[in-house]
PDB file of N, CA and C in Angstrom:
ATOM      1  N   MET A   1       8.591 -12.757 -16.732  1.00  0.00           N
ATOM      2  CA  MET A   1       9.266 -12.391 -15.519  1.00  0.00           C
ATOM      3  C   MET A   1       8.546 -11.240 -14.812  1.00  0.00           C
ATOM      4  N   ALA A   2       8.002 -10.300 -15.576  1.00  0.00           N
ATOM      5  CA  ALA A   2       7.310  -9.154 -14.992  1.00  0.00           C
ATOM      6  C   ALA A   2       6.108  -9.566 -14.143  1.00  0.00           C
ATOM      7  N   PRO A   3       5.266 -10.520 -14.590  1.00  0.00           N
ATOM      8  CA  PRO A   3       4.141 -10.913 -13.735  1.00  0.00           C
ATOM      9  C   PRO A   3       4.585 -11.459 -12.379  1.00  0.00           C
ATOM     10  N   LEU A   4       5.679 -12.187 -12.362  1.00  0.00           N
ATOM     11  CA  LEU A   4       6.186 -12.718 -11.103  1.00  0.00           C
ATOM     12  C   LEU A   4       6.641 -11.589 -10.178  1.00  0.00           C
ATOM     13  N   ILE A   5       7.341 -10.619 -10.721  1.00  0.00           N
ATOM     14  CA  ILE A   5       7.829  -9.505  -9.906  1.00  0.00           C
ATOM     15  C   ILE A   5       6.677  -8.661  -9.403  1.00  0.00           C
ATOM     16  N   TYR A   6       5.699  -8.355 -10.248  1.00  0.00           N
ATOM     17  CA  TYR A   6       4.528  -7.590  -9.816  1.00  0.00           C
ATOM     18  C   TYR A   6       3.796  -8.325  -8.694  1.00  0.00           C
ATOM     19  N   SER A   7       3.625  -9.614  -8.858  1.00  0.00           N
ATOM     20  CA  SER A   7       2.906 -10.402  -7.850  1.00  0.00           C
ATOM     21  C   SER A   7       3.677 -10.480  -6.541  1.00  0.00           C
ATOM     22  N   LEU A   8       4.989 -10.652  -6.607  1.00  0.00           N
ATOM     23  CA  LEU A   8       5.785 -10.709  -5.384  1.00  0.00           C
ATOM     24  C   LEU A   8       5.790  -9.371  -4.653  1.00  0.00           C
ATOM     25  N   CYS A   9       5.827  -8.285  -5.389  1.00  0.00           N
ATOM     26  CA  CYS A   9       5.752  -6.960  -4.747  1.00  0.00           C
ATOM     27  C   CYS A   9       4.416  -6.772  -4.055  1.00  0.00           C
ATOM     28  N   MET A  10       3.346  -7.208  -4.701  1.00  0.00           N
ATOM     29  CA  MET A  10       2.021  -7.097  -4.095  1.00  0.00           C
ATOM     30  C   MET A  10       1.937  -7.952  -2.834  1.00  0.00           C
ATOM     31  N   LEU A  11       2.434  -9.167  -2.884  1.00  0.00           N
ATOM     32  CA  LEU A  11       2.391 -10.043  -1.714  1.00  0.00           C
ATOM     33  C   LEU A  11       3.263  -9.530  -0.572  1.00  0.00           C
ATOM     34  N   THR A  12       4.393  -8.940  -0.904  1.00  0.00           N
ATOM     35  CA  THR A  12       5.262  -8.373   0.130  1.00  0.00           C
ATOM     36  C   THR A  12       4.587  -7.191   0.818  1.00  0.00           C
ATOM     37  N   SER A  13       3.975  -6.318   0.052  1.00  0.00           N
ATOM     38  CA  SER A  13       3.258  -5.184   0.639  1.00  0.00           C
ATOM     39  C   SER A  13       2.090  -5.656   1.491  1.00  0.00           C
ATOM     40  N   LEU A  14       1.416  -6.677   1.025  1.00  0.00           N
ATOM     41  CA  LEU A  14       0.290  -7.218   1.783  1.00  0.00           C
ATOM     42  C   LEU A  14       0.765  -7.864   3.087  1.00  0.00           C
ATOM     43  N   ALA A  15       1.891  -8.540   3.050  1.00  0.00           N
ATOM     44  CA  ALA A  15       2.443  -9.142   4.265  1.00  0.00           C
ATOM     45  C   ALA A  15       2.864  -8.064   5.261  1.00  0.00           C
ATOM     46  N   CYS A  16       3.477  -6.992   4.778  1.00  0.00           N
ATOM     47  CA  CYS A  16       3.844  -5.878   5.666  1.00  0.00           C
ATOM     48  C   CYS A  16       2.603  -5.261   6.286  1.00  0.00           C
ATOM     49  N   PHE A  17       1.561  -5.076   5.482  1.00  0.00           N
ATOM     50  CA  PHE A  17       0.304  -4.550   6.019  1.00  0.00           C
ATOM     51  C   PHE A  17      -0.243  -5.460   7.116  1.00  0.00           C
ATOM     52  N   ALA A  18      -0.261  -6.758   6.861  1.00  0.00           N
ATOM     53  CA  ALA A  18      -0.823  -7.696   7.840  1.00  0.00           C
ATOM     54  C   ALA A  18      -0.024  -7.683   9.148  1.00  0.00           C
ATOM     55  N   LEU A  19       1.290  -7.641   9.039  1.00  0.00           N
ATOM     56  CA  LEU A  19       2.116  -7.631  10.251  1.00  0.00           C
ATOM     57  C   LEU A  19       1.955  -6.324  11.019  1.00  0.00           C
ATOM     58  N   LEU A  20       1.906  -5.211  10.305  1.00  0.00           N
ATOM     59  CA  LEU A  20       1.714  -3.933  10.978  1.00  0.00           C
ATOM     60  C   LEU A  20       0.332  -3.839  11.610  1.00  0.00           C
ATOM     61  N   TRP A  21      -0.677  -4.346  10.929  1.00  0.00           N
ATOM     62  CA  TRP A  21      -2.036  -4.319  11.464  1.00  0.00           C
ATOM     63  C   TRP A  21      -2.143  -5.189  12.724  1.00  0.00           C
ATOM     64  N   ARG A  22      -1.510  -6.350  12.678  1.00  0.00           N
ATOM     65  CA  ARG A  22      -1.510  -7.219  13.856  1.00  0.00           C
ATOM     66  C   ARG A  22      -0.781  -6.559  15.016  1.00  0.00           C
ATOM     67  N   GLY A  23       0.313  -5.875  14.727  1.00  0.00           N
ATOM     68  CA  GLY A  23       1.024  -5.144  15.768  1.00  0.00           C
ATOM     69  C   GLY A  23       0.181  -4.025  16.343  1.00  0.00           C
ATOM     70  N   TRP A  24      -0.567  -3.354  15.479  1.00  0.00           N
ATOM     71  CA  TRP A  24      -1.437  -2.285  15.968  1.00  0.00           C
ATOM     72  C   TRP A  24      -2.565  -2.840  16.838  1.00  0.00           C
ATOM     73  N   LEU A  25      -3.112  -3.977  16.461  1.00  0.00           N
ATOM     74  CA  LEU A  25      -4.178  -4.570  17.271  1.00  0.00           C
ATOM     75  C   LEU A  25      -3.678  -4.954  18.659  1.00  0.00           C
ATOM     76  N   ASN A  26      -2.414  -5.328  18.766  1.00  0.00           N
ATOM     77  CA  ASN A  26      -1.861  -5.707  20.063  1.00  0.00           C
ATOM     78  C   ASN A  26      -1.481  -4.503  20.910  1.00  0.00           C
ATOM     79  N   SER A  27      -0.954  -3.444  20.290  1.00  0.00           N
ATOM     80  CA  SER A  27      -0.409  -2.338  21.080  1.00  0.00           C
ATOM     81  C   SER A  27      -1.222  -1.046  20.991  1.00  0.00           C
ATOM     82  N   ARG A  28      -2.037  -0.907  19.971  1.00  0.00           N
ATOM     83  CA  ARG A  28      -2.824   0.307  19.721  1.00  0.00           C
ATOM     84  C   ARG A  28      -1.946   1.550  19.560  1.00  0.00           C
ATOM     85  N   SER A  29      -0.751   1.359  19.037  1.00  0.00           N
ATOM     86  CA  SER A  29       0.148   2.473  18.745  1.00  0.00           C
ATOM     87  C   SER A  29      -0.326   3.150  17.462  1.00  0.00           C
ATOM     88  N   ARG A  30      -0.502   4.454  17.526  1.00  0.00           N
ATOM     89  CA  ARG A  30      -1.019   5.174  16.356  1.00  0.00           C
ATOM     90  C   ARG A  30      -0.057   5.126  15.179  1.00  0.00           C
ATOM     91  N   LEU A  31       1.237   5.102  15.458  1.00  0.00           N
ATOM     92  CA  LEU A  31       2.208   5.039  14.371  1.00  0.00           C
ATOM     93  C   LEU A  31       2.097   3.721  13.594  1.00  0.00           C
ATOM     94  N   LEU A  32       1.843   2.628  14.298  1.00  0.00           N
ATOM     95  CA  LEU A  32       1.610   1.351  13.608  1.00  0.00           C
ATOM     96  C   LEU A  32       0.346   1.404  12.761  1.00  0.00           C
ATOM     97  N   PHE A  33      -0.666   2.100  13.248  1.00  0.00           N
ATOM     98  CA  PHE A  33      -1.912   2.237  12.502  1.00  0.00           C
ATOM     99  C   PHE A  33      -1.678   2.962  11.181  1.00  0.00           C
ATOM    100  N   TRP A  34      -0.972   4.099  11.229  1.00  0.00           N
ATOM    101  CA  TRP A  34      -0.736   4.861  10.011  1.00  0.00           C
ATOM    102  C   TRP A  34       0.209   4.134   9.073  1.00  0.00           C
ATOM    103  N   SER A  35       1.166   3.408   9.615  1.00  0.00           N
ATOM    104  CA  SER A  35       2.060   2.610   8.781  1.00  0.00           C
ATOM    105  C   SER A  35       1.292   1.484   8.092  1.00  0.00           C
ATOM    106  N   ALA A  36       0.374   0.865   8.818  1.00  0.00           N
ATOM    107  CA  ALA A  36      -0.444  -0.196   8.222  1.00  0.00           C
ATOM    108  C   ALA A  36      -1.307   0.356   7.097  1.00  0.00           C
ATOM    109  N   LEU A  37      -1.889   1.544   7.312  1.00  0.00           N
ATOM    110  CA  LEU A  37      -2.690   2.147   6.242  1.00  0.00           C
ATOM    111  C   LEU A  37      -1.833   2.482   5.027  1.00  0.00           C
ATOM    112  N   CYS A  38      -0.612   2.921   5.260  1.00  0.00           N
ATOM    113  CA  CYS A  38       0.302   3.207   4.147  1.00  0.00           C
ATOM    114  C   CYS A  38       0.561   1.938   3.341  1.00  0.00           C
ATOM    115  N   PHE A  39       0.847   0.846   4.024  1.00  0.00           N
ATOM    116  CA  PHE A  39       1.116  -0.390   3.292  1.00  0.00           C
ATOM    117  C   PHE A  39      -0.147  -0.976   2.676  1.00  0.00           C
ATOM    118  N   ALA A  40      -1.300  -0.691   3.241  1.00  0.00           N
ATOM    119  CA  ALA A  40      -2.542  -1.095   2.577  1.00  0.00           C
ATOM    120  C   ALA A  40      -2.677  -0.359   1.245  1.00  0.00           C
ATOM    121  N   GLY A  41      -2.349   0.929   1.248  1.00  0.00           N
ATOM    122  CA  GLY A  41      -2.378   1.698   0.005  1.00  0.00           C
ATOM    123  C   GLY A  41      -1.349   1.211  -1.005  1.00  0.00           C
ATOM    124  N   LEU A  42      -0.163   0.870  -0.516  1.00  0.00           N
ATOM    125  CA  LEU A  42       0.857   0.335  -1.424  1.00  0.00           C
ATOM    126  C   LEU A  42       0.445  -1.022  -1.982  1.00  0.00           C
ATOM    127  N   SER A  43      -0.227  -1.827  -1.165  1.00  0.00           N
ATOM    128  CA  SER A  43      -0.741  -3.113  -1.658  1.00  0.00           C
ATOM    129  C   SER A  43      -1.789  -2.896  -2.734  1.00  0.00           C
ATOM    130  N   LEU A  44      -2.669  -1.929  -2.483  1.00  0.00           N
ATOM    131  CA  LEU A  44      -3.684  -1.609  -3.488  1.00  0.00           C
ATOM    132  C   LEU A  44      -3.033  -1.104  -4.774  1.00  0.00           C
ATOM    133  N   ASN A  45      -2.005  -0.297  -4.628  1.00  0.00           N
ATOM    134  CA  ASN A  45      -1.287   0.199  -5.800  1.00  0.00           C
ATOM    135  C   ASN A  45      -0.676  -0.949  -6.595  1.00  0.00           C
ATOM    136  N   ASN A  46      -0.059  -1.893  -5.910  1.00  0.00           N
ATOM    137  CA  ASN A  46       0.529  -3.047  -6.606  1.00  0.00           C
ATOM    138  C   ASN A  46      -0.547  -3.922  -7.231  1.00  0.00           C
ATOM    139  N   PHE A  47      -1.685  -4.058  -6.566  1.00  0.00           N
ATOM    140  CA  PHE A  47      -2.798  -4.813  -7.144  1.00  0.00           C
ATOM    141  C   PHE A  47      -3.283  -4.137  -8.426  1.00  0.00           C
ATOM    142  N   LEU A  48      -3.416  -2.808  -8.376  1.00  0.00           N
ATOM    143  CA  LEU A  48      -3.840  -2.082  -9.572  1.00  0.00           C
ATOM    144  C   LEU A  48      -2.806  -2.197 -10.691  1.00  0.00           C
ATOM    145  N   LEU A  49      -1.535  -2.277 -10.326  1.00  0.00           N
ATOM    146  CA  LEU A  49      -0.485  -2.478 -11.336  1.00  0.00           C
ATOM    147  C   LEU A  49      -0.650  -3.829 -12.030  1.00  0.00           C
ATOM    148  N   VAL A  50      -0.932  -4.864 -11.259  1.00  0.00           N
ATOM    149  CA  VAL A  50      -1.157  -6.189 -11.837  1.00  0.00           C
ATOM    150  C   VAL A  50      -2.367  -6.159 -12.762  1.00  0.00           C
ATOM    151  N   ILE A  51      -3.439  -5.523 -12.313  1.00  0.00           N
ATOM    152  CA  ILE A  51      -4.640  -5.427 -13.145  1.00  0.00           C
ATOM    153  C   ILE A  51      -4.341  -4.633 -14.418  1.00  0.00           C
ATOM    154  N   ASP A  52      -3.644  -3.513 -14.248  1.00  0.00           N
ATOM    155  CA  ASP A  52      -3.364  -2.630 -15.382  1.00  0.00           C
ATOM    156  C   ASP A  52      -2.465  -3.289 -16.421  1.00  0.00           C
ATOM    157  N   LYS A  53      -1.415  -3.937 -15.984  1.00  0.00           N
ATOM    158  CA  LYS A  53      -0.430  -4.469 -16.925  1.00  0.00           C
ATOM    159  C   LYS A  53      -0.725  -5.875 -17.422  1.00  0.00           C
ATOM    160  N   LEU A  54      -1.382  -6.688 -16.587  1.00  0.00           N
ATOM    161  CA  LEU A  54      -1.550  -8.092 -16.952  1.00  0.00           C
ATOM    162  C   LEU A  54      -2.975  -8.474 -17.322  1.00  0.00           C
ATOM    163  N   VAL A  55      -3.950  -7.999 -16.566  1.00  0.00           N
ATOM    164  CA  VAL A  55      -5.332  -8.429 -16.792  1.00  0.00           C
ATOM    165  C   VAL A  55      -6.009  -7.580 -17.858  1.00  0.00           C
ATOM    166  N   LEU A  56      -5.891  -6.260 -17.729  1.00  0.00           N
ATOM    167  CA  LEU A  56      -6.525  -5.345 -18.679  1.00  0.00           C
ATOM    168  C   LEU A  56      -5.475  -4.438 -19.330  1.00  0.00           C
ATOM    169  N   PRO A  57      -4.645  -4.974 -20.203  1.00  0.00           N
ATOM    170  CA  PRO A  57      -3.565  -4.145 -20.779  1.00  0.00           C
ATOM    171  C   PRO A  57      -4.067  -3.037 -21.706  1.00  0.00           C
ATOM    172  N   THR A  58      -5.299  -3.128 -22.170  1.00  0.00           N
ATOM    173  CA  THR A  58      -5.811  -2.097 -23.074  1.00  0.00           C
ATOM    174  C   THR A  58      -6.390  -0.906 -22.319  1.00  0.00           C
ATOM    175  N   VAL A  59      -6.646  -1.064 -21.019  1.00  0.00           N
ATOM    176  CA  VAL A  59      -7.209   0.016 -20.211  1.00  0.00           C
ATOM    177  C   VAL A  59      -6.058   0.735 -19.497  1.00  0.00           C
ATOM    178  N   ASP A  60      -6.024   2.055 -19.633  1.00  0.00           N
ATOM    179  CA  ASP A  60      -4.961   2.832 -18.986  1.00  0.00           C
ATOM    180  C   ASP A  60      -5.424   3.236 -17.582  1.00  0.00           C
ATOM    181  N   MET A  61      -4.796   2.660 -16.567  1.00  0.00           N
ATOM    182  CA  MET A  61      -5.134   2.956 -15.178  1.00  0.00           C
ATOM    183  C   MET A  61      -4.013   3.740 -14.502  1.00  0.00           C
ATOM    184  N   THR A  62      -3.210   4.428 -15.279  1.00  0.00           N
ATOM    185  CA  THR A  62      -2.048   5.118 -14.735  1.00  0.00           C
ATOM    186  C   THR A  62      -2.437   6.194 -13.736  1.00  0.00           C
ATOM    187  N   LEU A  63      -3.433   6.988 -14.041  1.00  0.00           N
ATOM    188  CA  LEU A  63      -3.832   8.063 -13.139  1.00  0.00           C
ATOM    189  C   LEU A  63      -4.340   7.510 -11.808  1.00  0.00           C
ATOM    190  N   LEU A  64      -5.121   6.456 -11.855  1.00  0.00           N
ATOM    191  CA  LEU A  64      -5.620   5.843 -10.630  1.00  0.00           C
ATOM    192  C   LEU A  64      -4.473   5.261  -9.812  1.00  0.00           C
ATOM    193  N   ARG A  65      -3.546   4.583 -10.470  1.00  0.00           N
ATOM    194  CA  ARG A  65      -2.395   4.007  -9.761  1.00  0.00           C
ATOM    195  C   ARG A  65      -1.539   5.089  -9.122  1.00  0.00           C
ATOM    196  N   LEU A  66      -1.298   6.171  -9.843  1.00  0.00           N
ATOM    197  CA  LEU A  66      -0.481   7.253  -9.305  1.00  0.00           C
ATOM    198  C   LEU A  66      -1.174   7.964  -8.145  1.00  0.00           C
ATOM    199  N   THR A  67      -2.489   8.075  -8.215  1.00  0.00           N
ATOM    200  CA  THR A  67      -3.237   8.689  -7.117  1.00  0.00           C
ATOM    201  C   THR A  67      -3.134   7.846  -5.858  1.00  0.00           C
ATOM    202  N   VAL A  68      -3.288   6.546  -5.999  1.00  0.00           N
ATOM    203  CA  VAL A  68      -3.162   5.649  -4.846  1.00  0.00           C
ATOM    204  C   VAL A  68      -1.720   5.646  -4.334  1.00  0.00           C
ATOM    205  N   ALA A  69      -0.767   5.674  -5.254  1.00  0.00           N
ATOM    206  CA  ALA A  69       0.643   5.690  -4.855  1.00  0.00           C
ATOM    207  C   ALA A  69       1.002   6.981  -4.119  1.00  0.00           C
ATOM    208  N   LEU A  70       0.336   8.074  -4.418  1.00  0.00           N
ATOM    209  CA  LEU A  70       0.570   9.323  -3.704  1.00  0.00           C
ATOM    210  C   LEU A  70      -0.152   9.331  -2.360  1.00  0.00           C
ATOM    211  N   ALA A  71      -1.344   8.785  -2.316  1.00  0.00           N
ATOM    212  CA  ALA A  71      -2.140   8.801  -1.084  1.00  0.00           C
ATOM    213  C   ALA A  71      -1.518   7.936   0.012  1.00  0.00           C
ATOM    214  N   ALA A  72      -0.896   6.841  -0.357  1.00  0.00           N
ATOM    215  CA  ALA A  72      -0.338   5.923   0.643  1.00  0.00           C
ATOM    216  C   ALA A  72       0.742   6.578   1.502  1.00  0.00           C
ATOM    217  N   PRO A  73       1.788   7.161   0.933  1.00  0.00           N
ATOM    218  CA  PRO A  73       2.780   7.806   1.804  1.00  0.00           C
ATOM    219  C   PRO A  73       2.255   9.072   2.469  1.00  0.00           C
ATOM    220  N   LEU A  74       1.254   9.720   1.862  1.00  0.00           N
ATOM    221  CA  LEU A  74       0.661  10.877   2.515  1.00  0.00           C
ATOM    222  C   LEU A  74      -0.044  10.479   3.803  1.00  0.00           C
ATOM    223  N   LEU A  75      -0.645   9.296   3.825  1.00  0.00           N
ATOM    224  CA  LEU A  75      -1.237   8.797   5.070  1.00  0.00           C
ATOM    225  C   LEU A  75      -0.176   8.619   6.149  1.00  0.00           C
ATOM    226  N   LEU A  76       0.948   8.054   5.771  1.00  0.00           N
ATOM    227  CA  LEU A  76       2.037   7.871   6.728  1.00  0.00           C
ATOM    228  C   LEU A  76       2.596   9.219   7.168  1.00  0.00           C
ATOM    229  N   LEU A  77       2.749  10.140   6.250  1.00  0.00           N
ATOM    230  CA  LEU A  77       3.239  11.473   6.593  1.00  0.00           C
ATOM    231  C   LEU A  77       2.289  12.173   7.550  1.00  0.00           C
ATOM    232  N   PHE A  78       1.000  12.067   7.301  1.00  0.00           N
ATOM    233  CA  PHE A  78       0.010  12.643   8.205  1.00  0.00           C
ATOM    234  C   PHE A  78       0.129  12.025   9.598  1.00  0.00           C
ATOM    235  N   GLY A  79       0.282  10.710   9.652  1.00  0.00           N
ATOM    236  CA  GLY A  79       0.437  10.034  10.929  1.00  0.00           C
ATOM    237  C   GLY A  79       1.690  10.466  11.657  1.00  0.00           C
ATOM    238  N   LEU A  80       2.777  10.653  10.939  1.00  0.00           N
ATOM    239  CA  LEU A  80       4.030  11.094  11.560  1.00  0.00           C
ATOM    240  C   LEU A  80       3.908  12.506  12.109  1.00  0.00           C
ATOM    241  N   ILE A  81       3.258  13.388  11.371  1.00  0.00           N
ATOM    242  CA  ILE A  81       3.080  14.764  11.837  1.00  0.00           C
ATOM    243  C   ILE A  81       2.140  14.789  13.031  1.00  0.00           C
ATOM    244  N   TRP A  82       1.054  14.035  12.958  1.00  0.00           N
ATOM    245  CA  TRP A  82       0.065  14.029  14.032  1.00  0.00           C
ATOM    246  C   TRP A  82       0.667  13.415  15.303  1.00  0.00           C
ATOM    247  N   GLU A  83       1.505  12.401  15.155  1.00  0.00           N
ATOM    248  CA  GLU A  83       2.126  11.742  16.299  1.00  0.00           C
ATOM    249  C   GLU A  83       3.132  12.667  16.994  1.00  0.00           C
ATOM    250  N   GLU A  84       3.718  13.585  16.237  1.00  0.00           N
ATOM    251  CA  GLU A  84       4.720  14.491  16.792  1.00  0.00           C
ATOM    252  C   GLU A  84       4.103  15.494  17.767  1.00  0.00           C
ATOM    253  N   GLU A  85       2.855  15.866  17.526  1.00  0.00           N
ATOM    254  CA  GLU A  85       2.205  16.895  18.377  1.00  0.00           C
ATOM    255  C   GLU A  85       1.911  16.421  19.755  1.00  0.00           C
TER     256      GLU A  85
END
């Protein structure tokens, strides 16, 4: 059951990234750009989770996953602060 949930989370994040990126290409809104980058990071995080737990269970990728998981919302936070100015 876990592989299915990990894969669905990754696909959902990837779909959100694709929709936000397409919206940014149409409108060039900076907030859509930063949101798309955030979901790209979340997609990468979910991909690394699949690799870590299912493909290479003997390799500990926790630090890399946590770093990507922290960087993704920080990109969105940076975009929100920058957009406010």
